[in-house]
Amino acid sequence: MQRQPLHSILQLITKGEGETLDFKKTISSAAKIAKTLSAFSNHKGGKLLIGVNDNKTLSGVRSEDEKYMLDLAAGFYCKPEVTLTINEWELGGKTIIEAIIPEAINKPVYAKDEDGKWWVHIRVKDQSLLASKVVVDVLKRETKKEGSLITYTKHEESLLHYLGDNPKITLKEVCKLLNISRWRAQRMIVNLVSAGVIRNHTTEKEEFYTLS
């Protein structure tokens, strides 16, 4: 007797949430789901499974309601609009919606919150986090495919020397180290990140930079 292969969606669920996969029990707000769509679009793309609990069990959904909310989020709460591929699966008598989000060609993709404000989100591990101005500017430069010509002044040299002796540095620490304005520090960091000289790291608590 042949063993039936595990359904591809169940295989995904078994792997658990990560930088390209997110579970939602249901969609209660188009604005909230737009945040996830923005984060995946600004990263490598990803898949959203609706009708799945955080503990990987199936709860199922009413498919038409969820599809409507996804379309609303992608078309009216994301800028530019996110083009979704939506699949519907029946597993164990329950309906699971799979939304496939492609990586955006034109970054950054903004998401409108419930107050009508537009924000950029990025995917970090299994979380969708608010992007800093530095990250937004790096995404813009990637889209424009602009080259980064780095002129190594004493400021760049001092920063790289510091990172050679220390594991990381924050924007506030860069301003203090080099005695420059926040705006000037941000512009310098964007150039260095875009050129691949340093790396940006975003967490819930802070954003910091390390040598690449």
N, C-alpha and C. Protein backbone atom coordinates (compact mmCIF):
# COMPACT_ATOMS: atom_id res chain seq x y z
N MET A 1 0.84 -1.20 0.00
CA MET A 1 0.00 0.00 0.00
C MET A 1 0.88 1.25 0.00
N GLN A 2 0.65 2.12 -0.99
CA GLN A 2 1.46 3.32 -1.12
C GLN A 2 1.02 4.37 -0.10
N ARG A 3 2.02 5.07 0.42
CA ARG A 3 1.73 6.14 1.38
C ARG A 3 1.48 7.44 0.62
N GLN A 4 0.40 8.13 0.94
CA GLN A 4 0.09 9.38 0.26
C GLN A 4 1.07 10.46 0.68
N PRO A 5 1.55 11.27 -0.30
CA PRO A 5 2.46 12.36 0.05
C PRO A 5 1.74 13.42 0.86
N LEU A 6 2.48 14.04 1.77
CA LEU A 6 1.91 15.09 2.60
C LEU A 6 1.57 16.29 1.72
N HIS A 7 0.41 16.85 1.92
CA HIS A 7 -0.03 18.00 1.14
C HIS A 7 0.99 19.14 1.29
N SER A 8 1.25 19.85 0.19
CA SER A 8 2.26 20.91 0.19
C SER A 8 1.98 21.98 1.24
N ILE A 9 0.72 22.31 1.48
CA ILE A 9 0.38 23.31 2.49
C ILE A 9 0.71 22.79 3.88
N LEU A 10 0.43 21.51 4.12
CA LEU A 10 0.77 20.92 5.43
C LEU A 10 2.28 20.89 5.63
N GLN A 11 3.02 20.70 4.55
CA GLN A 11 4.48 20.74 4.64
C GLN A 11 4.95 22.13 5.07
N LEU A 12 4.31 23.15 4.49
CA LEU A 12 4.65 24.53 4.86
C LEU A 12 4.34 24.79 6.33
N ILE A 13 3.16 24.35 6.75
CA ILE A 13 2.74 24.58 8.13
C ILE A 13 3.71 23.90 9.11
N THR A 14 4.15 22.70 8.74
CA THR A 14 5.09 21.96 9.59
C THR A 14 6.39 22.75 9.80
N LYS A 15 6.83 23.45 8.75
CA LYS A 15 8.07 24.24 8.85
C LYS A 15 7.92 25.41 9.83
N GLY A 16 6.71 25.96 9.91
CA GLY A 16 6.48 27.07 10.83
C GLY A 16 6.76 28.42 10.20
N GLU A 17 6.34 29.46 10.90
CA GLU A 17 6.49 30.82 10.39
C GLU A 17 7.97 31.20 10.29
N GLY A 18 8.26 32.07 9.32
CA GLY A 18 9.62 32.51 9.11
C GLY A 18 9.63 33.76 8.25
N GLU A 19 10.78 34.05 7.64
CA GLU A 19 10.89 35.30 6.88
C GLU A 19 10.07 35.29 5.60
N THR A 20 9.64 34.11 5.12
CA THR A 20 8.82 34.06 3.91
C THR A 20 7.48 33.35 4.13
N LEU A 21 7.09 33.15 5.39
CA LEU A 21 5.83 32.46 5.68
C LEU A 21 5.19 33.02 6.94
N ASP A 22 3.88 33.31 6.87
CA ASP A 22 3.15 33.84 8.02
C ASP A 22 1.79 33.16 8.12
N PHE A 23 1.34 32.90 9.34
CA PHE A 23 0.02 32.30 9.58
C PHE A 23 -0.93 33.36 10.14
N LYS A 24 -2.18 33.29 9.73
CA LYS A 24 -3.23 34.12 10.31
C LYS A 24 -4.45 33.24 10.55
N LYS A 25 -5.03 33.34 11.75
CA LYS A 25 -6.26 32.60 12.02
C LYS A 25 -7.40 33.15 11.18
N THR A 26 -7.44 34.48 11.09
CA THR A 26 -8.44 35.15 10.28
C THR A 26 -7.92 36.55 9.96
N ILE A 27 -8.61 37.28 9.09
CA ILE A 27 -8.24 38.65 8.79
C ILE A 27 -9.32 39.57 9.36
N SER A 28 -8.94 40.32 10.37
CA SER A 28 -9.91 41.21 11.02
C SER A 28 -9.85 42.63 10.48
N SER A 29 -8.74 42.96 9.81
CA SER A 29 -8.55 44.32 9.33
C SER A 29 -7.69 44.33 8.07
N ALA A 30 -8.16 45.03 7.03
CA ALA A 30 -7.38 45.15 5.80
C ALA A 30 -6.09 45.92 6.06
N ALA A 31 -6.16 46.91 6.95
CA ALA A 31 -4.98 47.71 7.26
C ALA A 31 -3.90 46.86 7.93
N LYS A 32 -4.31 45.98 8.84
CA LYS A 32 -3.34 45.13 9.53
C LYS A 32 -2.69 44.13 8.59
N ILE A 33 -3.47 43.57 7.68
CA ILE A 33 -2.90 42.58 6.76
C ILE A 33 -2.03 43.26 5.72
N ALA A 34 -2.31 44.54 5.43
CA ALA A 34 -1.48 45.30 4.48
C ALA A 34 -0.05 45.43 5.01
N LYS A 35 0.09 45.49 6.31
CA LYS A 35 1.42 45.56 6.94
C LYS A 35 2.25 44.33 6.57
N THR A 36 1.62 43.16 6.63
CA THR A 36 2.32 41.92 6.26
C THR A 36 2.63 41.88 4.77
N LEU A 37 1.70 42.33 3.94
CA LEU A 37 1.92 42.36 2.49
C LEU A 37 3.08 43.29 2.15
N SER A 38 3.14 44.44 2.82
CA SER A 38 4.23 45.39 2.62
C SER A 38 5.57 44.75 2.99
N ALA A 39 5.60 44.09 4.14
CA ALA A 39 6.85 43.49 4.62
C ALA A 39 7.37 42.43 3.67
N PHE A 40 6.50 41.53 3.20
CA PHE A 40 6.93 40.50 2.25
C PHE A 40 7.37 41.12 0.93
N SER A 41 6.63 42.11 0.45
CA SER A 41 6.94 42.75 -0.84
C SER A 41 8.29 43.43 -0.80
N ASN A 42 8.64 44.01 0.35
CA ASN A 42 9.92 44.71 0.47
C ASN A 42 11.07 43.77 0.78
N HIS A 43 10.76 42.49 0.97
CA HIS A 43 11.79 41.49 1.26
C HIS A 43 11.95 40.58 0.04
N LYS A 44 11.78 39.31 0.23
CA LYS A 44 11.96 38.33 -0.85
C LYS A 44 10.64 37.80 -1.38
N GLY A 45 9.52 38.43 -0.93
CA GLY A 45 8.21 37.84 -1.21
C GLY A 45 7.90 36.82 -0.14
N GLY A 46 6.73 36.20 -0.23
CA GLY A 46 6.39 35.21 0.78
C GLY A 46 5.00 34.66 0.61
N LYS A 47 4.59 33.84 1.56
CA LYS A 47 3.25 33.24 1.54
C LYS A 47 2.55 33.50 2.86
N LEU A 48 1.27 33.79 2.74
CA LEU A 48 0.41 34.02 3.89
C LEU A 48 -0.66 32.95 3.90
N LEU A 49 -0.74 32.19 4.99
CA LEU A 49 -1.75 31.14 5.12
C LEU A 49 -2.80 31.59 6.11
N ILE A 50 -4.05 31.71 5.64
CA ILE A 50 -5.14 32.16 6.49
C ILE A 50 -6.04 30.98 6.83
N GLY A 51 -6.36 30.87 8.13
CA GLY A 51 -7.10 29.71 8.61
C GLY A 51 -6.18 28.76 9.35
N VAL A 52 -4.98 29.29 9.72
CA VAL A 52 -3.98 28.50 10.44
C VAL A 52 -3.61 29.23 11.72
N ASN A 53 -3.62 28.53 12.84
CA ASN A 53 -3.25 29.12 14.12
C ASN A 53 -1.74 29.17 14.31
N ASP A 54 -1.31 29.99 15.26
CA ASP A 54 0.13 30.12 15.52
C ASP A 54 0.76 28.79 15.94
N ASN A 55 -0.06 27.91 16.56
CA ASN A 55 0.47 26.62 17.00
C ASN A 55 0.41 25.54 15.90
N LYS A 56 0.15 26.00 14.66
CA LYS A 56 0.17 25.16 13.45
C LYS A 56 -1.08 24.30 13.27
N THR A 57 -2.09 24.48 14.10
CA THR A 57 -3.34 23.75 13.90
C THR A 57 -4.24 24.50 12.92
N LEU A 58 -5.15 23.78 12.29
CA LEU A 58 -6.04 24.37 11.29
C LEU A 58 -7.33 24.86 11.93
N SER A 59 -7.69 26.10 11.65
CA SER A 59 -8.96 26.63 12.16
C SER A 59 -9.97 26.80 11.03
N GLY A 60 -9.46 27.02 9.80
CA GLY A 60 -10.34 27.20 8.66
C GLY A 60 -10.95 28.60 8.63
N VAL A 61 -11.44 28.99 7.45
CA VAL A 61 -12.02 30.33 7.28
C VAL A 61 -13.22 30.27 6.34
N ARG A 62 -13.96 31.38 6.28
CA ARG A 62 -14.99 31.56 5.26
C ARG A 62 -14.30 32.24 4.09
N SER A 63 -14.04 31.51 3.05
CA SER A 63 -13.13 31.93 1.99
C SER A 63 -13.46 33.27 1.34
N GLU A 64 -14.73 33.54 1.06
CA GLU A 64 -15.08 34.76 0.34
C GLU A 64 -14.77 36.00 1.17
N ASP A 65 -15.02 35.92 2.48
CA ASP A 65 -14.71 37.05 3.36
C ASP A 65 -13.22 37.34 3.38
N GLU A 66 -12.43 36.29 3.48
CA GLU A 66 -10.97 36.47 3.55
C GLU A 66 -10.41 36.97 2.22
N LYS A 67 -10.92 36.46 1.12
CA LYS A 67 -10.46 36.91 -0.20
C LYS A 67 -10.76 38.39 -0.40
N TYR A 68 -11.94 38.81 0.05
CA TYR A 68 -12.31 40.22 -0.08
C TYR A 68 -11.35 41.11 0.70
N MET A 69 -11.02 40.70 1.93
CA MET A 69 -10.11 41.49 2.76
C MET A 69 -8.71 41.52 2.17
N LEU A 70 -8.26 40.42 1.59
CA LEU A 70 -6.95 40.38 0.95
C LEU A 70 -6.90 41.32 -0.25
N ASP A 71 -7.93 41.26 -1.08
CA ASP A 71 -7.99 42.14 -2.25
C ASP A 71 -8.02 43.61 -1.83
N LEU A 72 -8.77 43.90 -0.78
CA LEU A 72 -8.87 45.27 -0.27
C LEU A 72 -7.51 45.75 0.24
N ALA A 73 -6.83 44.89 0.98
CA ALA A 73 -5.52 45.24 1.53
C ALA A 73 -4.50 45.47 0.42
N ALA A 74 -4.49 44.58 -0.57
CA ALA A 74 -3.50 44.65 -1.65
C ALA A 74 -3.75 45.83 -2.57
N GLY A 75 -5.03 46.14 -2.82
CA GLY A 75 -5.36 47.16 -3.80
C GLY A 75 -5.51 48.57 -3.26
N PHE A 76 -6.00 48.70 -2.03
CA PHE A 76 -6.31 50.02 -1.49
C PHE A 76 -5.46 50.40 -0.27
N TYR A 77 -4.88 49.42 0.39
CA TYR A 77 -4.07 49.72 1.56
C TYR A 77 -2.57 49.55 1.30
N CYS A 78 -2.19 49.19 0.09
CA CYS A 78 -0.78 49.09 -0.28
C CYS A 78 -0.49 50.01 -1.46
N LYS A 79 0.66 50.65 -1.40
CA LYS A 79 1.08 51.56 -2.47
C LYS A 79 2.55 51.37 -2.75
N PRO A 80 2.96 50.94 -3.98
CA PRO A 80 2.08 50.55 -5.08
C PRO A 80 1.29 49.28 -4.77
N GLU A 81 0.27 49.04 -5.57
CA GLU A 81 -0.61 47.88 -5.35
C GLU A 81 0.18 46.58 -5.41
N VAL A 82 -0.17 45.66 -4.53
CA VAL A 82 0.48 44.34 -4.50
C VAL A 82 -0.36 43.35 -5.31
N THR A 83 0.29 42.65 -6.23
CA THR A 83 -0.42 41.65 -7.05
C THR A 83 -0.34 40.29 -6.36
N LEU A 84 -1.48 39.83 -5.88
CA LEU A 84 -1.52 38.57 -5.14
C LEU A 84 -1.95 37.41 -6.03
N THR A 85 -1.45 36.22 -5.70
CA THR A 85 -1.99 34.97 -6.23
C THR A 85 -2.67 34.27 -5.06
N ILE A 86 -3.98 34.02 -5.19
CA ILE A 86 -4.74 33.45 -4.07
C ILE A 86 -5.22 32.04 -4.43
N ASN A 87 -4.86 31.09 -3.60
CA ASN A 87 -5.30 29.70 -3.77
C ASN A 87 -6.16 29.29 -2.58
N GLU A 88 -7.11 28.42 -2.84
CA GLU A 88 -8.01 27.93 -1.79
C GLU A 88 -7.84 26.43 -1.68
N TRP A 89 -7.65 25.96 -0.44
CA TRP A 89 -7.41 24.54 -0.21
C TRP A 89 -8.41 24.00 0.81
N GLU A 90 -8.82 22.76 0.60
CA GLU A 90 -9.67 22.06 1.57
C GLU A 90 -8.82 21.00 2.26
N LEU A 91 -8.62 21.16 3.55
CA LEU A 91 -7.80 20.22 4.32
C LEU A 91 -8.57 19.80 5.57
N GLY A 92 -8.80 18.53 5.69
CA GLY A 92 -9.51 18.03 6.86
C GLY A 92 -10.88 18.66 7.04
N GLY A 93 -11.53 18.95 5.93
CA GLY A 93 -12.85 19.56 5.99
C GLY A 93 -12.84 21.05 6.30
N LYS A 94 -11.66 21.66 6.29
CA LYS A 94 -11.55 23.09 6.59
C LYS A 94 -10.91 23.83 5.40
N THR A 95 -11.35 25.05 5.18
CA THR A 95 -10.84 25.86 4.07
C THR A 95 -9.64 26.69 4.52
N ILE A 96 -8.54 26.57 3.79
CA ILE A 96 -7.33 27.33 4.05
C ILE A 96 -7.05 28.20 2.82
N ILE A 97 -6.78 29.47 3.05
CA ILE A 97 -6.45 30.38 1.96
C ILE A 97 -4.93 30.59 1.93
N GLU A 98 -4.36 30.42 0.75
CA GLU A 98 -2.93 30.66 0.54
C GLU A 98 -2.79 31.90 -0.33
N ALA A 99 -2.16 32.94 0.19
CA ALA A 99 -1.90 34.16 -0.57
C ALA A 99 -0.40 34.23 -0.84
N ILE A 100 -0.05 34.27 -2.11
CA ILE A 100 1.36 34.33 -2.51
C ILE A 100 1.70 35.77 -2.86
N ILE A 101 2.67 36.33 -2.16
CA ILE A 101 3.06 37.73 -2.34
C ILE A 101 4.42 37.77 -3.02
N PRO A 102 4.51 38.36 -4.22
CA PRO A 102 5.81 38.43 -4.90
C PRO A 102 6.69 39.54 -4.33
N GLU A 103 7.98 39.41 -4.51
CA GLU A 103 8.88 40.51 -4.17
C GLU A 103 8.59 41.67 -5.10
N ALA A 104 8.50 42.86 -4.56
CA ALA A 104 8.15 44.03 -5.36
C ALA A 104 9.28 44.42 -6.30
N ILE A 105 8.91 44.84 -7.50
CA ILE A 105 9.89 45.39 -8.45
C ILE A 105 10.23 46.82 -8.06
N ASN A 106 9.19 47.56 -7.70
CA ASN A 106 9.37 48.95 -7.28
C ASN A 106 9.21 49.06 -5.77
N LYS A 107 10.33 49.18 -5.10
CA LYS A 107 10.33 49.30 -3.63
C LYS A 107 10.60 50.75 -3.25
N PRO A 108 10.15 51.17 -2.08
CA PRO A 108 9.42 50.39 -1.07
C PRO A 108 7.92 50.36 -1.34
N VAL A 109 7.27 49.32 -0.82
CA VAL A 109 5.82 49.23 -0.83
C VAL A 109 5.32 49.75 0.52
N TYR A 110 4.44 50.74 0.47
CA TYR A 110 3.89 51.34 1.68
C TYR A 110 2.56 50.68 2.05
N ALA A 111 2.26 50.67 3.33
CA ALA A 111 0.97 50.17 3.82
C ALA A 111 0.28 51.28 4.61
N LYS A 112 -1.01 51.46 4.36
CA LYS A 112 -1.76 52.51 5.06
C LYS A 112 -2.34 51.95 6.35
N ASP A 113 -2.12 52.64 7.46
CA ASP A 113 -2.65 52.16 8.73
C ASP A 113 -4.08 52.64 8.93
N GLU A 114 -4.66 52.31 10.07
CA GLU A 114 -6.06 52.64 10.32
C GLU A 114 -6.30 54.13 10.53
N ASP A 115 -5.21 54.90 10.70
CA ASP A 115 -5.31 56.36 10.82
C ASP A 115 -5.07 57.06 9.49
N GLY A 116 -4.87 56.25 8.43
CA GLY A 116 -4.66 56.82 7.10
C GLY A 116 -3.22 57.22 6.81
N LYS A 117 -2.28 56.84 7.68
CA LYS A 117 -0.87 57.17 7.46
C LYS A 117 -0.18 56.01 6.75
N TRP A 118 0.78 56.35 5.90
CA TRP A 118 1.49 55.34 5.11
C TRP A 118 2.84 55.02 5.72
N TRP A 119 3.13 53.72 5.87
CA TRP A 119 4.38 53.26 6.48
C TRP A 119 5.00 52.14 5.65
N VAL A 120 6.30 51.99 5.79
CA VAL A 120 7.02 50.89 5.13
C VAL A 120 7.36 49.85 6.18
N HIS A 121 7.14 48.58 5.83
CA HIS A 121 7.46 47.48 6.74
C HIS A 121 8.43 46.52 6.07
N ILE A 122 9.22 45.84 6.87
CA ILE A 122 10.17 44.85 6.37
C ILE A 122 10.00 43.56 7.16
N ARG A 123 10.41 42.48 6.54
CA ARG A 123 10.30 41.17 7.18
C ARG A 123 11.61 40.82 7.85
N VAL A 124 11.55 40.55 9.14
CA VAL A 124 12.72 40.14 9.91
C VAL A 124 12.36 38.85 10.64
N LYS A 125 12.96 37.75 10.20
CA LYS A 125 12.63 36.42 10.72
C LYS A 125 11.13 36.18 10.57
N ASP A 126 10.39 36.02 11.67
CA ASP A 126 8.95 35.74 11.54
C ASP A 126 8.10 36.96 11.91
N GLN A 127 8.69 38.15 11.83
CA GLN A 127 7.97 39.36 12.20
C GLN A 127 7.96 40.39 11.06
N SER A 128 6.91 41.20 11.03
CA SER A 128 6.82 42.32 10.11
C SER A 128 7.05 43.58 10.92
N LEU A 129 8.18 44.25 10.70
CA LEU A 129 8.58 45.39 11.52
C LEU A 129 8.58 46.68 10.71
N LEU A 130 8.38 47.79 11.42
CA LEU A 130 8.41 49.11 10.80
C LEU A 130 9.83 49.42 10.34
N ALA A 131 9.96 49.91 9.11
CA ALA A 131 11.27 50.23 8.55
C ALA A 131 11.70 51.63 8.97
N SER A 132 12.98 51.81 9.23
CA SER A 132 13.52 53.13 9.55
C SER A 132 13.72 53.93 8.27
N LYS A 133 14.03 55.21 8.41
CA LYS A 133 14.29 56.05 7.25
C LYS A 133 15.49 55.53 6.47
N VAL A 134 16.49 55.02 7.18
CA VAL A 134 17.67 54.46 6.51
C VAL A 134 17.27 53.30 5.60
N VAL A 135 16.46 52.38 6.12
CA VAL A 135 16.02 51.22 5.34
C VAL A 135 15.18 51.66 4.15
N VAL A 136 14.28 52.62 4.36
CA VAL A 136 13.44 53.13 3.27
C VAL A 136 14.31 53.71 2.15
N ASP A 137 15.31 54.50 2.53
CA ASP A 137 16.18 55.11 1.52
C ASP A 137 17.02 54.06 0.79
N VAL A 138 17.44 53.01 1.50
CA VAL A 138 18.19 51.92 0.85
C VAL A 138 17.29 51.20 -0.16
N LEU A 139 16.04 50.94 0.20
CA LEU A 139 15.09 50.29 -0.71
C LEU A 139 14.85 51.15 -1.95
N LYS A 140 14.72 52.44 -1.77
CA LYS A 140 14.54 53.35 -2.90
C LYS A 140 15.73 53.29 -3.84
N ARG A 141 16.92 53.27 -3.28
CA ARG A 141 18.12 53.24 -4.10
C ARG A 141 18.25 51.92 -4.84
N GLU A 142 17.84 50.82 -4.20
CA GLU A 142 17.87 49.51 -4.88
C GLU A 142 16.95 49.53 -6.10
N THR A 143 15.77 50.14 -5.94
CA THR A 143 14.82 50.20 -7.05
C THR A 143 15.36 51.02 -8.20
N LYS A 144 16.01 52.13 -7.88
CA LYS A 144 16.57 53.00 -8.93
C LYS A 144 17.85 52.42 -9.52
N LYS A 145 18.37 51.37 -8.83
CA LYS A 145 19.62 50.73 -9.26
C LYS A 145 20.75 51.74 -9.41
N GLU A 146 20.79 52.65 -8.46
CA GLU A 146 21.84 53.65 -8.46
C GLU A 146 23.11 53.05 -7.88
N GLY A 147 24.23 53.34 -8.50
CA GLY A 147 25.50 52.93 -7.94
C GLY A 147 25.85 53.82 -6.76
N SER A 148 26.63 53.32 -5.86
CA SER A 148 27.02 54.11 -4.68
C SER A 148 28.51 54.41 -4.76
N LEU A 149 28.81 55.66 -5.07
CA LEU A 149 30.20 56.09 -5.11
C LEU A 149 30.57 56.57 -3.72
N ILE A 150 31.46 55.85 -3.08
CA ILE A 150 31.83 56.18 -1.70
C ILE A 150 33.11 56.98 -1.68
N THR A 151 33.02 58.16 -1.10
CA THR A 151 34.22 58.96 -0.86
C THR A 151 34.58 58.80 0.61
N TYR A 152 35.74 58.23 0.86
CA TYR A 152 36.12 57.94 2.23
C TYR A 152 36.74 59.16 2.88
N THR A 153 35.89 59.92 3.55
CA THR A 153 36.36 61.04 4.35
C THR A 153 36.77 60.51 5.72
N LYS A 154 37.18 61.43 6.57
CA LYS A 154 37.56 61.01 7.93
C LYS A 154 36.39 60.39 8.68
N HIS A 155 35.15 60.78 8.32
CA HIS A 155 33.98 60.23 8.99
C HIS A 155 33.78 58.76 8.66
N GLU A 156 33.84 58.44 7.36
CA GLU A 156 33.70 57.02 6.96
C GLU A 156 34.84 56.19 7.55
N GLU A 157 36.04 56.72 7.51
CA GLU A 157 37.19 55.99 8.03
C GLU A 157 37.07 55.75 9.54
N SER A 158 36.58 56.75 10.24
CA SER A 158 36.41 56.61 11.69
C SER A 158 35.34 55.58 12.03
N LEU A 159 34.23 55.60 11.26
CA LEU A 159 33.16 54.64 11.49
C LEU A 159 33.63 53.21 11.24
N LEU A 160 34.31 53.00 10.12
CA LEU A 160 34.78 51.65 9.79
C LEU A 160 35.85 51.17 10.77
N HIS A 161 36.67 52.09 11.23
CA HIS A 161 37.67 51.73 12.23
C HIS A 161 36.99 51.31 13.53
N TYR A 162 35.93 52.04 13.91
CA TYR A 162 35.17 51.70 15.11
C TYR A 162 34.56 50.31 14.98
N LEU A 163 33.95 50.03 13.80
CA LEU A 163 33.31 48.73 13.60
C LEU A 163 34.34 47.60 13.49
N GLY A 164 35.57 47.95 13.18
CA GLY A 164 36.62 46.93 13.18
C GLY A 164 36.98 46.49 14.58
N ASP A 165 36.72 47.38 15.55
CA ASP A 165 37.06 47.08 16.95
C ASP A 165 35.84 46.73 17.79
N ASN A 166 34.64 47.02 17.26
CA ASN A 166 33.41 46.79 18.01
C ASN A 166 32.39 46.04 17.15
N PRO A 167 31.53 45.22 17.75
CA PRO A 167 30.62 44.38 16.97
C PRO A 167 29.51 45.13 16.25
N LYS A 168 29.07 46.29 16.79
CA LYS A 168 27.95 46.99 16.18
C LYS A 168 27.91 48.44 16.62
N ILE A 169 27.05 49.23 15.94
CA ILE A 169 26.87 50.63 16.29
C ILE A 169 25.46 51.06 15.89
N THR A 170 24.84 51.93 16.67
CA THR A 170 23.51 52.46 16.34
C THR A 170 23.66 53.84 15.69
N LEU A 171 22.57 54.34 15.12
CA LEU A 171 22.60 55.67 14.48
C LEU A 171 22.95 56.74 15.51
N LYS A 172 22.36 56.65 16.68
CA LYS A 172 22.64 57.63 17.73
C LYS A 172 24.12 57.62 18.10
N GLU A 173 24.70 56.42 18.15
CA GLU A 173 26.12 56.29 18.49
C GLU A 173 27.01 56.83 17.37
N VAL A 174 26.56 56.68 16.11
CA VAL A 174 27.32 57.24 14.98
C VAL A 174 27.37 58.76 15.09
N CYS A 175 26.22 59.37 15.40
CA CYS A 175 26.16 60.83 15.55
C CYS A 175 27.12 61.30 16.64
N LYS A 176 27.12 60.58 17.76
CA LYS A 176 27.99 60.95 18.88
C LYS A 176 29.45 60.72 18.56
N LEU A 177 29.75 59.59 17.92
CA LEU A 177 31.14 59.25 17.60
C LEU A 177 31.76 60.27 16.65
N LEU A 178 31.00 60.66 15.64
CA LEU A 178 31.54 61.54 14.59
C LEU A 178 31.18 63.01 14.80
N ASN A 179 30.32 63.27 15.81
CA ASN A 179 29.87 64.63 16.10
C ASN A 179 29.23 65.27 14.86
N ILE A 180 28.29 64.55 14.27
CA ILE A 180 27.57 65.04 13.09
C ILE A 180 26.07 64.94 13.33
N SER A 181 25.29 65.62 12.48
CA SER A 181 23.84 65.61 12.62
C SER A 181 23.26 64.25 12.25
N ARG A 182 22.04 64.00 12.72
CA ARG A 182 21.35 62.75 12.41
C ARG A 182 21.16 62.61 10.90
N TRP A 183 20.78 63.71 10.23
CA TRP A 183 20.56 63.68 8.79
C TRP A 183 21.83 63.29 8.05
N ARG A 184 22.96 63.86 8.43
CA ARG A 184 24.23 63.55 7.77
C ARG A 184 24.66 62.11 8.04
N ALA A 185 24.42 61.65 9.26
CA ALA A 185 24.77 60.27 9.61
C ALA A 185 23.92 59.29 8.80
N GLN A 186 22.63 59.58 8.67
CA GLN A 186 21.75 58.71 7.89
C GLN A 186 22.20 58.63 6.44
N ARG A 187 22.53 59.76 5.85
CA ARG A 187 22.95 59.78 4.45
C ARG A 187 24.22 58.95 4.25
N MET A 188 25.17 59.07 5.18
CA MET A 188 26.41 58.31 5.09
C MET A 188 26.14 56.81 5.23
N ILE A 189 25.27 56.44 6.18
CA ILE A 189 24.96 55.02 6.40
C ILE A 189 24.25 54.42 5.19
N VAL A 190 23.31 55.17 4.60
CA VAL A 190 22.61 54.70 3.40
C VAL A 190 23.63 54.39 2.30
N ASN A 191 24.61 55.26 2.10
CA ASN A 191 25.64 55.04 1.08
C ASN A 191 26.44 53.77 1.37
N LEU A 192 26.82 53.59 2.62
CA LEU A 192 27.64 52.44 2.99
C LEU A 192 26.86 51.12 2.92
N VAL A 193 25.58 51.15 3.33
CA VAL A 193 24.75 49.95 3.23
C VAL A 193 24.50 49.60 1.77
N SER A 194 24.18 50.61 0.95
CA SER A 194 23.90 50.38 -0.48
C SER A 194 25.12 49.84 -1.21
N ALA A 195 26.29 50.24 -0.76
CA ALA A 195 27.53 49.77 -1.39
C ALA A 195 27.97 48.42 -0.85
N GLY A 196 27.27 47.93 0.17
CA GLY A 196 27.62 46.62 0.72
C GLY A 196 28.78 46.65 1.69
N VAL A 197 29.15 47.83 2.16
CA VAL A 197 30.29 47.95 3.07
C VAL A 197 29.87 47.59 4.50
N ILE A 198 28.67 48.05 4.89
CA ILE A 198 28.13 47.69 6.20
C ILE A 198 26.75 47.08 6.02
N ARG A 199 26.27 46.42 7.05
CA ARG A 199 24.96 45.78 7.01
C ARG A 199 24.03 46.41 8.02
N ASN A 200 22.76 46.47 7.65
CA ASN A 200 21.72 46.97 8.53
C ASN A 200 21.04 45.81 9.24
N HIS A 201 20.74 45.97 10.53
CA HIS A 201 20.04 44.95 11.30
C HIS A 201 18.89 45.63 12.04
N THR A 202 17.67 45.14 11.82
CA THR A 202 16.49 45.71 12.47
C THR A 202 15.91 44.69 13.44
N THR A 203 15.64 45.14 14.66
CA THR A 203 14.95 44.30 15.65
C THR A 203 13.78 45.12 16.21
N GLU A 204 12.99 44.50 17.08
CA GLU A 204 11.88 45.21 17.70
C GLU A 204 12.38 46.35 18.58
N LYS A 205 13.54 46.17 19.18
CA LYS A 205 14.04 47.15 20.15
C LYS A 205 14.95 48.21 19.54
N GLU A 206 15.72 47.85 18.53
CA GLU A 206 16.68 48.81 17.99
C GLU A 206 17.09 48.44 16.57
N GLU A 207 17.76 49.40 15.94
CA GLU A 207 18.39 49.17 14.65
C GLU A 207 19.88 49.44 14.81
N PHE A 208 20.69 48.56 14.25
CA PHE A 208 22.14 48.78 14.38
C PHE A 208 22.85 48.33 13.11
N TYR A 209 24.15 48.60 13.07
CA TYR A 209 24.92 48.35 11.85
C TYR A 209 26.19 47.60 12.21
N THR A 210 26.60 46.71 11.30
CA THR A 210 27.84 45.95 11.47
C THR A 210 28.61 45.96 10.16
N LEU A 211 29.86 45.57 10.22
CA LEU A 211 30.62 45.41 8.97
C LEU A 211 30.06 44.25 8.17
N SER A 212 30.05 44.35 6.86
CA SER A 212 29.55 43.26 6.01
C SER A 212 30.52 42.11 6.00
